[in-house]
């Protein structure tokens, strides 16, 4: 049959709770397979139509019911995404600034693994700064684009599909990924397995508790059908704590994209005239100008805790380096 109901009801991923308050009622739920492929891609701009709930036990806000996890993984792996890779050069500039923040904590390049690397722009930026890079991407088309364009050996598929060395990486990154996945706790557990004790997990996410989200309300552009979870700094911090991480710092995350691209995406909130203006700008030089913007995106750094830490370890060079790096990070932000 062409149309199917792809939904499942899930408990809270953070605490397992099953008692919810409805934050936002559903405005649709039945989708075709073609709809899923169109919605669940990196450049998706489909407004949220699913029901949002808040867990009464831990305050996590998420879509429930939601598309079945198996259907999500299949949809993310299929389809092309030329709109997303059209912004590759602008994304490289964003990532270069982010890497400077990371290096303030690590003291310099090391081994880094990027979960959900899309076309590999972050890995390319990290490699250019001297990092030893590795990463995975569910979408076949994007992974292939990254291999051809950057010469990267991107692993195709979710992180759980790959046999990766435990405790091998100094840093694991999740750039605008954690809000997309069926189980954030599972992905964070994978990251905890990959990063060495004392190593860093770096995430960016749209903060549903940010001033931008509160000001724009239902018109906040990150209320999108592609996002399954709506974290705040507090709810994500608690989830990381349960998985053996300590949050070191958070900061606003400024992204860089072409002006015409941003105007077209604004059309999702402001309507068809903005879409038409964006299309007009794409044909002109001003539309290709790289523009920085921020609407609640947040940069978070967490450290993987040592399972057993002796008192003397707090005075070790490694802990001193983390303290110095943390001070440098705060100075930069």
Protein backbone atom coordinates (compact mmCIF):
# COMPACT_ATOMS: atom_id res chain seq x y z
CA UNK A 1 0.00 0.00 0.00
CA UNK A 2 1.18 3.56 -0.71
CA UNK A 3 0.39 5.16 2.66
CA UNK A 4 1.07 3.61 6.03
CA UNK A 5 0.92 4.70 9.64
CA UNK A 6 4.58 4.56 10.67
CA UNK A 7 4.10 5.53 14.32
CA UNK A 8 5.12 4.00 17.63
CA UNK A 9 4.64 5.20 21.21
CA UNK A 10 7.88 5.34 23.18
CA UNK A 11 8.87 5.91 26.82
CA UNK A 12 11.08 8.84 27.79
CA UNK A 13 14.56 8.11 26.45
CA UNK A 14 16.24 9.90 29.35
CA UNK A 15 14.54 8.28 32.36
CA UNK A 16 12.17 5.61 31.01
CA UNK A 17 9.12 7.49 32.29
CA UNK A 18 5.73 6.93 30.65
CA UNK A 19 3.73 9.77 32.19
CA UNK A 20 3.52 12.82 29.91
CA UNK A 21 1.90 16.20 29.46
CA UNK A 22 0.99 17.25 25.93
CA UNK A 23 2.97 20.36 24.94
CA UNK A 24 1.70 20.60 21.38
CA UNK A 25 -1.03 18.45 19.77
CA UNK A 26 -0.48 16.61 16.49
CA UNK A 27 -1.49 18.20 13.20
CA UNK A 28 -0.93 15.07 11.09
CA UNK A 29 0.67 11.64 11.27
CA UNK A 30 0.04 9.43 8.22
CA UNK A 31 2.92 9.53 5.74
CA UNK A 32 4.07 7.62 2.68
CA UNK A 33 7.55 6.15 2.34
CA UNK A 34 8.36 8.97 -0.10
CA UNK A 35 7.36 11.50 2.57
CA UNK A 36 9.71 9.89 5.09
CA UNK A 37 12.67 10.12 2.71
CA UNK A 38 11.84 13.77 2.01
CA UNK A 39 11.43 14.68 5.69
CA UNK A 40 14.29 12.75 7.28
CA UNK A 41 17.31 14.29 5.57
CA UNK A 42 19.97 16.79 6.62
CA UNK A 43 18.38 19.79 4.86
CA UNK A 44 14.79 19.03 5.84
CA UNK A 45 12.57 22.10 6.18
CA UNK A 46 9.22 20.43 6.94
CA UNK A 47 7.48 22.13 9.91
CA UNK A 48 6.61 20.00 12.93
CA UNK A 49 3.24 18.25 12.66
CA UNK A 50 3.66 15.52 15.30
CA UNK A 51 2.57 15.65 18.93
CA UNK A 52 5.07 16.99 21.45
CA UNK A 53 5.01 15.76 25.06
CA UNK A 54 6.95 16.60 28.20
CA UNK A 55 8.04 13.84 30.58
CA UNK A 56 6.59 14.56 34.01
CA UNK A 57 9.56 12.86 35.70
CA UNK A 58 12.50 14.65 34.02
CA UNK A 59 11.03 17.44 31.82
CA UNK A 60 12.44 16.11 28.53
CA UNK A 61 10.30 17.26 25.57
CA UNK A 62 10.01 14.90 22.61
CA UNK A 63 7.78 13.68 19.79
CA UNK A 64 5.42 10.93 20.92
CA UNK A 65 4.13 8.93 19.15
CA UNK A 66 6.81 9.12 16.49
CA UNK A 67 7.94 7.36 13.33
CA UNK A 68 9.23 3.87 14.08
CA UNK A 69 12.98 3.72 14.65
CA UNK A 70 13.54 1.18 11.86
CA UNK A 71 11.69 3.39 9.36
CA UNK A 72 13.72 6.41 10.49
CA UNK A 73 17.03 4.64 9.91
CA UNK A 74 15.88 3.49 6.46
CA UNK A 75 14.67 6.97 5.50
CA UNK A 76 17.89 8.66 6.63
CA UNK A 77 19.98 6.25 4.54
CA UNK A 78 18.12 6.95 1.28
CA UNK A 79 17.73 9.95 -1.02
CA UNK A 80 20.09 12.68 -2.16
CA UNK A 81 20.61 16.10 -0.57
CA UNK A 82 22.18 18.67 -2.93
CA UNK A 83 20.63 21.52 -0.91
CA UNK A 84 22.64 20.55 2.17
CA UNK A 85 25.99 20.22 0.40
CA UNK A 86 25.45 23.55 -1.39
CA UNK A 87 26.46 25.13 1.93
CA UNK A 88 29.63 23.07 2.41
CA UNK A 89 32.11 25.96 2.18
CA UNK A 90 30.14 28.05 4.70
CA UNK A 91 29.92 25.08 7.06
CA UNK A 92 33.70 24.62 6.87
CA UNK A 93 34.12 28.16 8.24
CA UNK A 94 31.73 27.43 11.12
CA UNK A 95 33.61 24.25 11.93
CA UNK A 96 37.00 25.96 11.80
CA UNK A 97 35.87 28.35 14.55
CA UNK A 98 34.42 25.45 16.55
CA UNK A 99 37.68 23.53 16.27
CA UNK A 100 39.53 26.50 17.75
CA UNK A 101 37.21 26.23 20.77
CA UNK A 102 37.89 22.49 21.05
CA UNK A 103 41.65 22.94 20.78
CA UNK A 104 41.55 25.46 23.63
CA UNK A 105 40.48 22.51 25.78
CA UNK A 106 42.61 19.73 24.30
CA UNK A 107 45.79 21.75 23.79
CA UNK A 108 45.94 20.87 20.10
CA UNK A 109 44.87 18.28 17.50
CA UNK A 110 44.47 14.59 18.26
CA UNK A 111 42.10 11.82 17.17
CA UNK A 112 38.51 12.85 16.48
CA UNK A 113 35.37 10.91 15.49
CA UNK A 114 32.31 12.68 14.05
CA UNK A 115 28.95 10.91 14.42
CA UNK A 116 26.52 11.90 11.65
CA UNK A 117 29.14 13.69 9.58
CA UNK A 118 26.84 14.33 6.57
CA UNK A 119 29.09 15.30 3.62
CA UNK A 120 32.21 15.44 5.78
CA UNK A 121 32.74 19.22 5.98
CA UNK A 122 33.67 19.02 9.65
CA UNK A 123 36.14 16.20 9.09
CA UNK A 124 37.72 18.15 6.22
CA UNK A 125 38.09 21.24 8.43
CA UNK A 126 39.57 19.15 11.26
CA UNK A 127 42.02 17.39 8.94
CA UNK A 128 43.22 20.77 7.64
CA UNK A 129 44.08 21.73 11.24
CA UNK A 130 46.11 18.55 11.80
CA UNK A 131 43.54 16.22 13.39
CA UNK A 132 43.45 12.47 12.69
CA UNK A 133 39.85 12.15 11.53
CA UNK A 134 37.21 9.44 11.33
CA UNK A 135 33.42 9.52 11.11
CA UNK A 136 30.17 7.90 10.02
CA UNK A 137 27.06 9.02 8.14
CA UNK A 138 23.79 7.08 7.63
CA UNK A 139 22.94 8.67 4.27
CA UNK A 140 24.59 6.82 1.37
CA UNK A 141 24.52 9.80 -1.00
CA UNK A 142 26.11 12.20 1.50
CA UNK A 143 28.78 9.69 2.54
CA UNK A 144 29.68 9.11 -1.11
CA UNK A 145 29.76 12.88 -1.76
CA UNK A 146 32.22 13.32 1.11
CA UNK A 147 34.44 10.55 -0.21
CA UNK A 148 34.54 12.05 -3.70
CA UNK A 149 34.79 15.70 -2.70
CA UNK A 150 37.12 15.59 0.30
CA UNK A 151 38.82 12.22 -0.18
CA UNK A 152 37.54 11.08 3.21
CA UNK A 153 36.93 7.46 4.15
CA UNK A 154 33.47 8.12 5.61
CA UNK A 155 31.86 5.05 7.15
CA UNK A 156 28.31 4.69 5.81
CA UNK A 157 25.66 3.78 8.36
CA UNK A 158 24.83 4.65 11.99
CA UNK A 159 27.62 4.53 14.56
CA UNK A 160 26.23 1.28 16.02
CA UNK A 161 26.82 -0.50 12.68
CA UNK A 162 30.61 -0.17 12.83
CA UNK A 163 33.29 -2.07 14.73
CA UNK A 164 35.18 0.83 16.28
CA UNK A 165 38.03 0.79 18.81
CA UNK A 166 37.02 1.54 22.39
CA UNK A 167 38.59 4.52 24.12
CA UNK A 168 40.53 5.41 20.98
CA UNK A 169 39.48 9.02 20.35
CA UNK A 170 40.38 12.21 22.14
CA UNK A 171 37.16 13.88 20.98
CA UNK A 172 33.79 12.66 19.68
CA UNK A 173 31.46 15.18 18.04
CA UNK A 174 27.73 15.37 17.34
CA UNK A 175 26.97 18.45 15.22
CA UNK A 176 23.19 19.04 15.23
CA UNK A 177 22.62 15.28 15.45
CA UNK A 178 21.38 14.43 18.95
CA UNK A 179 17.88 15.89 18.33
CA UNK A 180 17.41 13.67 15.25
CA UNK A 181 18.17 10.17 16.52
CA UNK A 182 15.58 7.67 17.81
CA UNK A 183 17.52 7.13 21.06
CA UNK A 184 19.87 9.91 22.19
CA UNK A 185 20.89 7.85 25.22
CA UNK A 186 22.09 5.01 22.97
CA UNK A 187 24.14 7.39 20.81
CA UNK A 188 25.70 9.05 23.86
CA UNK A 189 26.54 5.57 25.21
CA UNK A 190 28.29 4.83 21.90
CA UNK A 191 30.22 8.08 22.20
CA UNK A 192 31.17 7.20 25.78
CA UNK A 193 32.57 3.90 24.53
CA UNK A 194 34.62 5.54 21.76
CA UNK A 195 36.19 8.46 23.64
CA UNK A 196 39.08 7.86 26.03
CA UNK A 197 38.61 8.55 29.76
CA UNK A 198 39.09 12.28 30.24
CA UNK A 199 38.33 12.84 26.56
CA UNK A 200 35.66 15.18 25.27
CA UNK A 201 32.21 14.87 23.77
CA UNK A 202 31.23 18.00 21.84
CA UNK A 203 27.61 18.58 20.81
CA UNK A 204 25.56 21.30 19.22
CA UNK A 205 21.79 21.35 19.44
CA UNK A 206 18.85 23.76 19.14
CA UNK A 207 18.12 24.80 22.73
CA UNK A 208 14.37 24.78 23.32
CA UNK A 209 14.94 26.85 26.45
CA UNK A 210 16.90 29.59 24.68
CA UNK A 211 15.67 33.21 24.49
CA UNK A 212 15.11 32.78 20.74
CA UNK A 213 12.88 29.74 21.26
CA UNK A 214 10.87 31.49 23.98
CA UNK A 215 10.51 34.69 21.95
CA UNK A 216 9.44 33.01 18.70
CA UNK A 217 7.27 30.34 20.32
CA UNK A 218 5.61 28.12 17.74
CA UNK A 219 7.38 30.07 14.98
CA UNK A 220 10.82 29.00 16.18
CA UNK A 221 12.30 27.41 13.01
CA UNK A 222 13.74 24.43 14.86
CA UNK A 223 10.26 23.09 15.54
CA UNK A 224 10.73 20.76 12.60
CA UNK A 225 9.39 17.32 11.72
CA UNK A 226 12.97 16.08 11.41
CA UNK A 227 13.63 16.76 15.12
CA UNK A 228 12.45 14.12 17.58
CA UNK A 229 13.81 15.68 20.80
CA UNK A 230 13.77 19.25 22.10
CA UNK A 231 16.54 19.57 24.67
CA UNK A 232 17.41 22.39 27.01
CA UNK A 233 20.85 22.74 28.55
CA UNK A 234 19.43 21.22 31.74
CA UNK A 235 17.75 18.16 30.20
CA UNK A 236 20.71 17.34 27.95
CA UNK A 237 23.13 17.88 30.82
CA UNK A 238 21.23 15.39 32.98
CA UNK A 239 21.21 12.82 30.16
CA UNK A 240 24.97 13.21 29.70
CA UNK A 241 25.49 12.82 33.44
CA UNK A 242 23.63 9.49 33.41
CA UNK A 243 25.99 8.27 30.68
CA UNK A 244 29.22 9.07 32.50
CA UNK A 245 29.93 12.60 31.28
CA UNK A 246 30.45 15.87 33.12
CA UNK A 247 29.42 19.05 31.31
CA UNK A 248 32.40 21.42 31.24
CA UNK A 249 30.93 24.38 29.40
CA UNK A 250 28.12 25.63 27.19
CA UNK A 251 28.11 28.60 24.85
CA UNK A 252 25.95 30.09 22.07
CA UNK A 253 26.75 28.51 18.70
CA UNK A 254 26.91 30.83 15.70
CA UNK A 255 26.58 29.20 12.29
CA UNK A 256 27.53 30.51 8.86
CA UNK A 257 25.42 29.91 5.73
CA UNK A 258 24.71 31.70 2.46
CA UNK A 259 22.32 34.65 2.77
CA UNK A 260 19.89 33.30 0.14
CA UNK A 261 19.77 29.93 1.88
CA UNK A 262 18.88 31.56 5.19
CA UNK A 263 16.15 33.67 3.58
CA UNK A 264 14.59 30.61 1.95
CA UNK A 265 14.66 28.72 5.25
CA UNK A 266 12.98 31.72 6.90
CA UNK A 267 10.11 31.11 4.50
CA UNK A 268 9.20 28.06 6.59
CA UNK A 269 8.20 30.51 9.32
CA UNK A 270 7.31 33.69 7.43
CA UNK A 271 5.61 32.20 4.39
CA UNK A 272 5.84 31.99 0.59
CA UNK A 273 7.12 35.57 -0.03
CA UNK A 274 10.35 34.74 1.81
CA UNK A 275 10.75 31.57 -0.25
CA UNK A 276 10.40 33.62 -3.42
CA UNK A 277 12.85 36.24 -2.16
CA UNK A 278 15.34 33.49 -1.36
CA UNK A 279 15.01 32.03 -4.84
CA UNK A 280 15.58 35.51 -6.32
CA UNK A 281 18.66 36.07 -4.14
CA UNK A 282 20.17 32.73 -5.19
CA UNK A 283 20.64 34.16 -8.70
CA UNK A 284 22.56 37.18 -7.41
CA UNK A 285 25.96 37.72 -5.83
CA UNK A 286 24.51 39.07 -2.59
CA UNK A 287 22.67 35.80 -2.09
CA UNK A 288 25.97 33.90 -2.00
CA UNK A 289 27.45 36.07 0.76
CA UNK A 290 28.21 34.02 3.88
CA UNK A 291 26.08 35.24 6.78
CA UNK A 292 26.39 34.38 10.46
CA UNK A 293 23.25 33.71 12.44
CA UNK A 294 22.11 32.29 15.78
CA UNK A 295 18.59 31.36 16.88
CA UNK A 296 19.18 29.30 19.99
CA UNK A 297 21.82 26.90 18.73
CA UNK A 298 24.03 25.84 21.64
CA UNK A 299 27.57 24.45 21.86
CA UNK A 300 28.18 22.02 24.73
CA UNK A 301 31.38 20.30 25.85
CA UNK A 302 31.38 17.32 28.22
CA UNK A 303 34.23 15.25 29.61
CA UNK A 304 34.11 11.47 29.93
CA UNK A 305 34.64 10.72 33.59
CA UNK A 306 37.19 8.23 34.85
CA UNK A 307 35.50 5.23 36.44
CA UNK A 308 37.85 5.37 39.46
CA UNK A 309 39.77 8.55 40.23
CA UNK A 310 42.38 8.60 42.98
CA UNK A 311 42.88 11.82 44.94
CA UNK A 312 46.36 12.16 43.43
CA UNK A 313 44.85 12.18 39.91
CA UNK A 314 43.37 15.59 40.53
CA UNK A 315 46.90 16.96 40.59
CA UNK A 316 48.08 15.10 37.48
CA UNK A 317 49.19 16.92 34.29
CA UNK A 318 46.08 15.66 32.47
CA UNK A 319 43.72 17.28 34.97
CA UNK A 320 45.80 20.47 34.97
CA UNK A 321 45.57 20.59 31.15
CA UNK A 322 41.79 20.22 31.29
CA UNK A 323 41.59 23.05 33.83
CA UNK A 324 43.78 25.33 31.73
CA UNK A 325 41.81 24.46 28.60
CA UNK A 326 38.52 25.11 30.34
CA UNK A 327 39.70 28.57 31.35
CA UNK A 328 40.81 29.27 27.79
CA UNK A 329 37.44 28.10 26.44
CA UNK A 330 35.58 30.44 28.77
CA UNK A 331 37.84 33.30 27.71
CA UNK A 332 37.06 32.62 24.04
CA UNK A 333 33.31 32.55 24.60
